[in-house]
């Protein structure tokens, strides 16, 4: 087996059901680069160890560049994928263009300084490389199953969303009528009151806007209790759909007919 053949089989396993050991190593490096990006977003660490972060990002840039060049070289093992045209087609399909962008962003970040928010966004471009590995692994089967489950339950989910929107508008209107005159900043209009309705119905409850009148508290309590059932509604729908989808995957893997949701 030649080096190029080995690279082709391990870096470009077309149609493979699982990742090769080489791709697992690349995946680990990508995860490490994401961890470094997270730590680097903290100014204390970045300002204290700028040389370490610069050197680490340089290593990641070199590794990603070499790995991509190896893949371009290895694609020539396929008789149908040879020449500059084949390289271009390979670079544009199956999200391989993401690898180019991530690698370029790494190199640009080494020699140019960007503002804090822009720098963070550019660093996290490397997280998109995970998508290609997910599509190439057995995880893609589970993801497709989940997406199919959501599609099959879309009518019920749409209905849950419509009910939630209706309740948000009704709750906001009630609090606008009851609390609008006493708390114009938070409940002076229906759009303002909708912020309270959203955080209450989603059970987040930030506490930055709360009713203070007796009637307002009564309505708020009723909405709060009702929100628990409302949140459980789409959760139950999705849980049932996911369970059916995973059973179908298991039945399909064992050669038995799947269960129809």
Protein backbone atom coordinates (compact mmCIF):
# COMPACT_ATOMS: atom_id res chain seq x y z
CA UNK A 1 0.00 0.00 0.00
CA UNK A 2 1.40 3.39 -1.00
CA UNK A 3 1.30 6.47 1.23
CA UNK A 4 -1.26 8.12 -1.02
CA UNK A 5 -3.49 5.06 -0.90
CA UNK A 6 -3.32 5.03 2.90
CA UNK A 7 -4.16 8.73 3.04
CA UNK A 8 -7.08 8.23 0.66
CA UNK A 9 -8.52 5.38 2.72
CA UNK A 10 -8.08 7.16 6.05
CA UNK A 11 -8.64 10.85 5.27
CA UNK A 12 -11.26 10.49 2.52
CA UNK A 13 -13.31 7.39 3.38
CA UNK A 14 -16.16 8.09 0.95
CA UNK A 15 -19.30 6.35 2.07
CA UNK A 16 -17.67 5.02 5.25
CA UNK A 17 -19.98 4.35 8.19
CA UNK A 18 -17.45 5.46 10.79
CA UNK A 19 -14.42 7.69 11.18
CA UNK A 20 -10.93 6.32 10.66
CA UNK A 21 -8.27 6.60 13.35
CA UNK A 22 -6.58 9.36 11.36
CA UNK A 23 -9.80 11.33 11.19
CA UNK A 24 -10.36 10.78 14.91
CA UNK A 25 -6.95 12.37 15.47
CA UNK A 26 -7.88 15.34 13.27
CA UNK A 27 -11.18 15.63 15.13
CA UNK A 28 -9.29 15.71 18.43
CA UNK A 29 -7.04 18.48 17.12
CA UNK A 30 -10.09 20.47 16.03
CA UNK A 31 -11.61 20.12 19.50
CA UNK A 32 -8.33 21.24 21.08
CA UNK A 33 -8.26 24.28 18.79
CA UNK A 34 -11.80 25.17 19.89
CA UNK A 35 -10.80 24.89 23.55
CA UNK A 36 -7.85 27.20 22.88
CA UNK A 37 -10.19 29.67 21.17
CA UNK A 38 -12.48 29.63 24.21
CA UNK A 39 -9.60 30.29 26.60
CA UNK A 40 -8.13 32.93 24.30
CA UNK A 41 -11.38 34.93 24.43
CA UNK A 42 -10.57 35.75 28.07
CA UNK A 43 -8.41 38.95 28.00
CA UNK A 44 -6.56 37.98 31.18
CA UNK A 45 -5.19 34.81 29.61
CA UNK A 46 -4.64 36.31 26.17
CA UNK A 47 -2.73 39.33 27.51
CA UNK A 48 -0.68 37.20 29.92
CA UNK A 49 0.43 34.57 27.41
CA UNK A 50 0.25 36.13 23.91
CA UNK A 51 3.27 34.21 22.62
CA UNK A 52 1.84 30.86 23.73
CA UNK A 53 -1.48 31.50 22.01
CA UNK A 54 0.25 32.74 18.86
CA UNK A 55 2.48 29.67 18.74
CA UNK A 56 -0.43 27.31 19.43
CA UNK A 57 -2.53 28.85 16.66
CA UNK A 58 0.46 28.61 14.33
CA UNK A 59 0.70 24.89 15.06
CA UNK A 60 -3.02 24.45 14.38
CA UNK A 61 -2.73 26.43 11.13
CA UNK A 62 0.18 24.28 9.95
CA UNK A 63 -1.58 21.02 10.87
CA UNK A 64 -4.82 21.99 9.15
CA UNK A 65 -2.96 23.18 6.06
CA UNK A 66 -0.88 20.02 5.80
CA UNK A 67 -3.94 17.83 6.40
CA UNK A 68 -5.88 19.60 3.65
CA UNK A 69 -2.96 19.39 1.20
CA UNK A 70 -2.68 15.66 1.94
CA UNK A 71 -6.38 15.24 1.19
CA UNK A 72 -6.03 17.09 -2.11
CA UNK A 73 -3.11 14.86 -3.02
CA UNK A 74 -4.86 11.68 -1.89
CA UNK A 75 -8.01 12.40 -3.90
CA UNK A 76 -5.97 11.51 -6.98
CA UNK A 77 -6.19 7.84 -5.94
CA UNK A 78 -9.66 7.92 -7.36
CA UNK A 79 -9.30 7.59 -11.18
CA UNK A 80 -12.28 9.93 -11.63
CA UNK A 81 -10.75 12.60 -9.39
CA UNK A 82 -7.48 13.66 -10.99
CA UNK A 83 -6.12 17.00 -12.13
CA UNK A 84 -6.70 20.58 -11.07
CA UNK A 85 -10.39 20.37 -11.99
CA UNK A 86 -10.88 17.44 -9.64
CA UNK A 87 -9.18 19.35 -6.82
CA UNK A 88 -11.51 22.28 -7.39
CA UNK A 89 -14.60 20.05 -7.42
CA UNK A 90 -13.47 18.32 -4.24
CA UNK A 91 -12.84 21.66 -2.52
CA UNK A 92 -16.39 22.81 -3.27
CA UNK A 93 -18.37 19.71 -2.30
CA UNK A 94 -19.33 18.07 1.01
CA UNK A 95 -18.54 21.20 3.03
CA UNK A 96 -14.83 20.92 2.19
CA UNK A 97 -14.89 24.65 1.46
CA UNK A 98 -15.36 25.14 5.21
CA UNK A 99 -11.89 23.65 5.74
CA UNK A 100 -10.39 26.24 3.39
CA UNK A 101 -12.08 29.14 5.17
CA UNK A 102 -11.07 27.86 8.62
CA UNK A 103 -7.46 27.42 7.55
CA UNK A 104 -7.32 30.87 5.94
CA UNK A 105 -8.87 32.46 9.03
CA UNK A 106 -6.22 30.82 11.19
CA UNK A 107 -3.41 32.19 9.04
CA UNK A 108 -4.98 35.66 8.82
CA UNK A 109 -5.47 35.75 12.59
CA UNK A 110 -1.75 35.13 13.11
CA UNK A 111 -0.66 38.29 11.29
CA UNK A 112 -3.60 40.68 11.66
CA UNK A 113 -5.27 42.02 14.80
CA UNK A 114 -9.04 42.30 14.97
CA UNK A 115 -11.41 43.79 17.52
CA UNK A 116 -12.54 41.55 20.37
CA UNK A 117 -15.93 40.44 19.01
CA UNK A 118 -14.66 39.98 15.45
CA UNK A 119 -11.69 37.97 16.69
CA UNK A 120 -13.96 35.66 18.69
CA UNK A 121 -16.20 35.05 15.67
CA UNK A 122 -13.19 34.30 13.47
CA UNK A 123 -11.76 31.88 16.04
CA UNK A 124 -14.99 29.95 16.23
CA UNK A 125 -15.08 29.41 12.48
CA UNK A 126 -12.99 26.34 13.20
CA UNK A 127 -15.98 24.78 14.98
CA UNK A 128 -17.68 24.44 11.58
CA UNK A 129 -15.11 21.81 10.66
CA UNK A 130 -16.96 19.46 13.00
CA UNK A 131 -19.90 19.43 10.58
CA UNK A 132 -17.91 17.57 7.94
CA UNK A 133 -16.88 14.89 10.41
CA UNK A 134 -20.44 14.50 11.65
CA UNK A 135 -21.69 14.01 8.08
CA UNK A 136 -18.94 11.47 7.45
CA UNK A 137 -19.57 9.36 10.55
CA UNK A 138 -22.30 7.14 11.91
CA UNK A 139 -23.62 10.18 13.78
CA UNK A 140 -25.12 11.34 10.48
CA UNK A 141 -27.56 8.41 10.64
CA UNK A 142 -28.80 9.52 14.05
CA UNK A 143 -29.06 13.14 12.92
CA UNK A 144 -31.08 12.16 9.86
CA UNK A 145 -33.34 10.06 12.09
CA UNK A 146 -33.91 13.02 14.40
CA UNK A 147 -34.65 15.33 11.48
CA UNK A 148 -37.11 12.79 10.05
CA UNK A 149 -38.79 12.57 13.44
CA UNK A 150 -39.20 16.34 13.60
CA UNK A 151 -40.60 16.37 10.06
CA UNK A 152 -43.17 13.71 10.91
CA UNK A 153 -44.32 15.67 13.97
CA UNK A 154 -44.17 19.08 12.33
CA UNK A 155 -47.96 19.63 12.42
CA UNK A 156 -48.08 19.05 16.17
CA UNK A 157 -45.02 21.27 16.68
CA UNK A 158 -46.54 24.02 14.53
CA UNK A 159 -49.69 23.84 16.63
CA UNK A 160 -47.67 24.08 19.85
CA UNK A 161 -45.87 27.13 18.49
CA UNK A 162 -49.12 28.83 17.47
CA UNK A 163 -50.65 28.17 20.90
CA UNK A 164 -47.53 29.58 22.59
CA UNK A 165 -47.61 32.73 20.45
CA UNK A 166 -51.31 33.22 21.18
CA UNK A 167 -50.79 32.86 24.92
CA UNK A 168 -47.85 35.29 24.85
CA UNK A 169 -49.98 37.92 23.15
CA UNK A 170 -52.93 37.34 25.52
CA UNK A 171 -50.70 37.44 28.61
CA UNK A 172 -48.94 40.59 27.42
CA UNK A 173 -52.30 42.26 26.71
CA UNK A 174 -53.62 41.39 30.17
CA UNK A 175 -50.53 42.76 31.91
CA UNK A 176 -50.61 45.85 29.72
CA UNK A 177 -54.17 46.56 30.84
CA UNK A 178 -53.53 45.80 34.51
CA UNK A 179 -49.95 47.05 35.02
CA UNK A 180 -49.50 49.57 32.20
CA UNK A 181 -50.42 52.63 34.25
CA UNK A 182 -48.34 51.67 37.29
CA UNK A 183 -45.27 50.35 35.43
CA UNK A 184 -45.15 52.10 32.05
CA UNK A 185 -41.48 51.23 31.57
CA UNK A 186 -42.09 47.46 31.67
CA UNK A 187 -45.78 47.14 30.79
CA UNK A 188 -46.61 50.45 29.09
CA UNK A 189 -47.39 48.72 25.80
CA UNK A 190 -48.16 45.23 24.57
CA UNK A 191 -44.70 44.84 22.93
CA UNK A 192 -43.04 45.84 26.23
CA UNK A 193 -45.20 43.42 28.19
CA UNK A 194 -44.39 40.65 25.73
CA UNK A 195 -40.85 40.47 27.15
CA UNK A 196 -42.30 39.53 30.54
CA UNK A 197 -44.69 37.06 28.86
CA UNK A 198 -41.88 35.35 26.95
CA UNK A 199 -39.55 34.90 29.94
CA UNK A 200 -42.47 33.70 32.06
CA UNK A 201 -43.83 31.21 29.54
CA UNK A 202 -40.35 29.82 28.91
CA UNK A 203 -39.94 29.47 32.71
CA UNK A 204 -36.77 31.58 32.62
CA UNK A 205 -38.11 34.33 34.87
CA UNK A 206 -35.30 36.90 34.89
CA UNK A 207 -37.17 39.04 37.41
CA UNK A 208 -36.37 42.33 35.65
CA UNK A 209 -40.10 42.90 35.04
CA UNK A 210 -42.69 41.70 37.58
CA UNK A 211 -46.30 42.64 38.28
CA UNK A 212 -46.88 44.57 41.52
CA UNK A 213 -50.67 44.92 41.66
CA UNK A 214 -52.82 42.20 43.21
CA UNK A 215 -54.62 41.45 39.94
CA UNK A 216 -51.35 41.55 38.05
CA UNK A 217 -49.79 39.04 40.43
CA UNK A 218 -52.83 36.78 40.11
CA UNK A 219 -52.63 36.83 36.32
CA UNK A 220 -48.86 36.36 36.48
CA UNK A 221 -49.24 33.34 38.76
CA UNK A 222 -51.80 31.74 36.45
CA UNK A 223 -49.56 32.30 33.43
CA UNK A 224 -46.57 30.90 35.33
CA UNK A 225 -48.42 27.71 36.27
CA UNK A 226 -49.79 27.30 32.75
CA UNK A 227 -46.33 27.78 31.25
CA UNK A 228 -45.10 24.53 32.81
CA UNK A 229 -47.70 22.56 30.85
CA UNK A 230 -47.00 24.58 27.72
CA UNK A 231 -43.26 23.82 27.84
CA UNK A 232 -43.99 20.12 28.40
CA UNK A 233 -46.20 19.94 25.30
CA UNK A 234 -43.52 20.19 22.55
CA UNK A 235 -41.08 18.33 24.80
CA UNK A 236 -43.40 15.32 24.92
CA UNK A 237 -44.00 15.47 21.17
CA UNK A 238 -40.27 15.52 20.42
CA UNK A 239 -39.49 12.81 22.97
CA UNK A 240 -42.04 10.49 21.38
CA UNK A 241 -40.78 11.28 17.88
CA UNK A 242 -37.14 10.72 18.84
CA UNK A 243 -38.00 7.41 20.50
CA UNK A 244 -39.77 6.20 17.34
CA UNK A 245 -36.88 7.40 15.16
CA UNK A 246 -34.25 5.56 17.22
CA UNK A 247 -36.35 2.39 17.17
CA UNK A 248 -36.53 2.63 13.39
CA UNK A 249 -32.74 2.99 13.22
CA UNK A 250 -32.26 -0.07 15.45
CA UNK A 251 -34.78 -2.15 13.48
CA UNK A 252 -33.19 -1.05 10.22
CA UNK A 253 -29.73 -2.01 11.45
CA UNK A 254 -30.92 -5.47 12.45
CA UNK A 255 -32.79 -6.03 9.19
CA UNK A 256 -36.25 -6.00 10.75
CA UNK A 257 -39.03 -3.72 9.57
CA UNK A 258 -39.15 -0.47 11.50
CA UNK A 259 -42.00 0.83 13.52
CA UNK A 260 -44.12 3.44 11.81
CA UNK A 261 -44.72 6.50 14.00
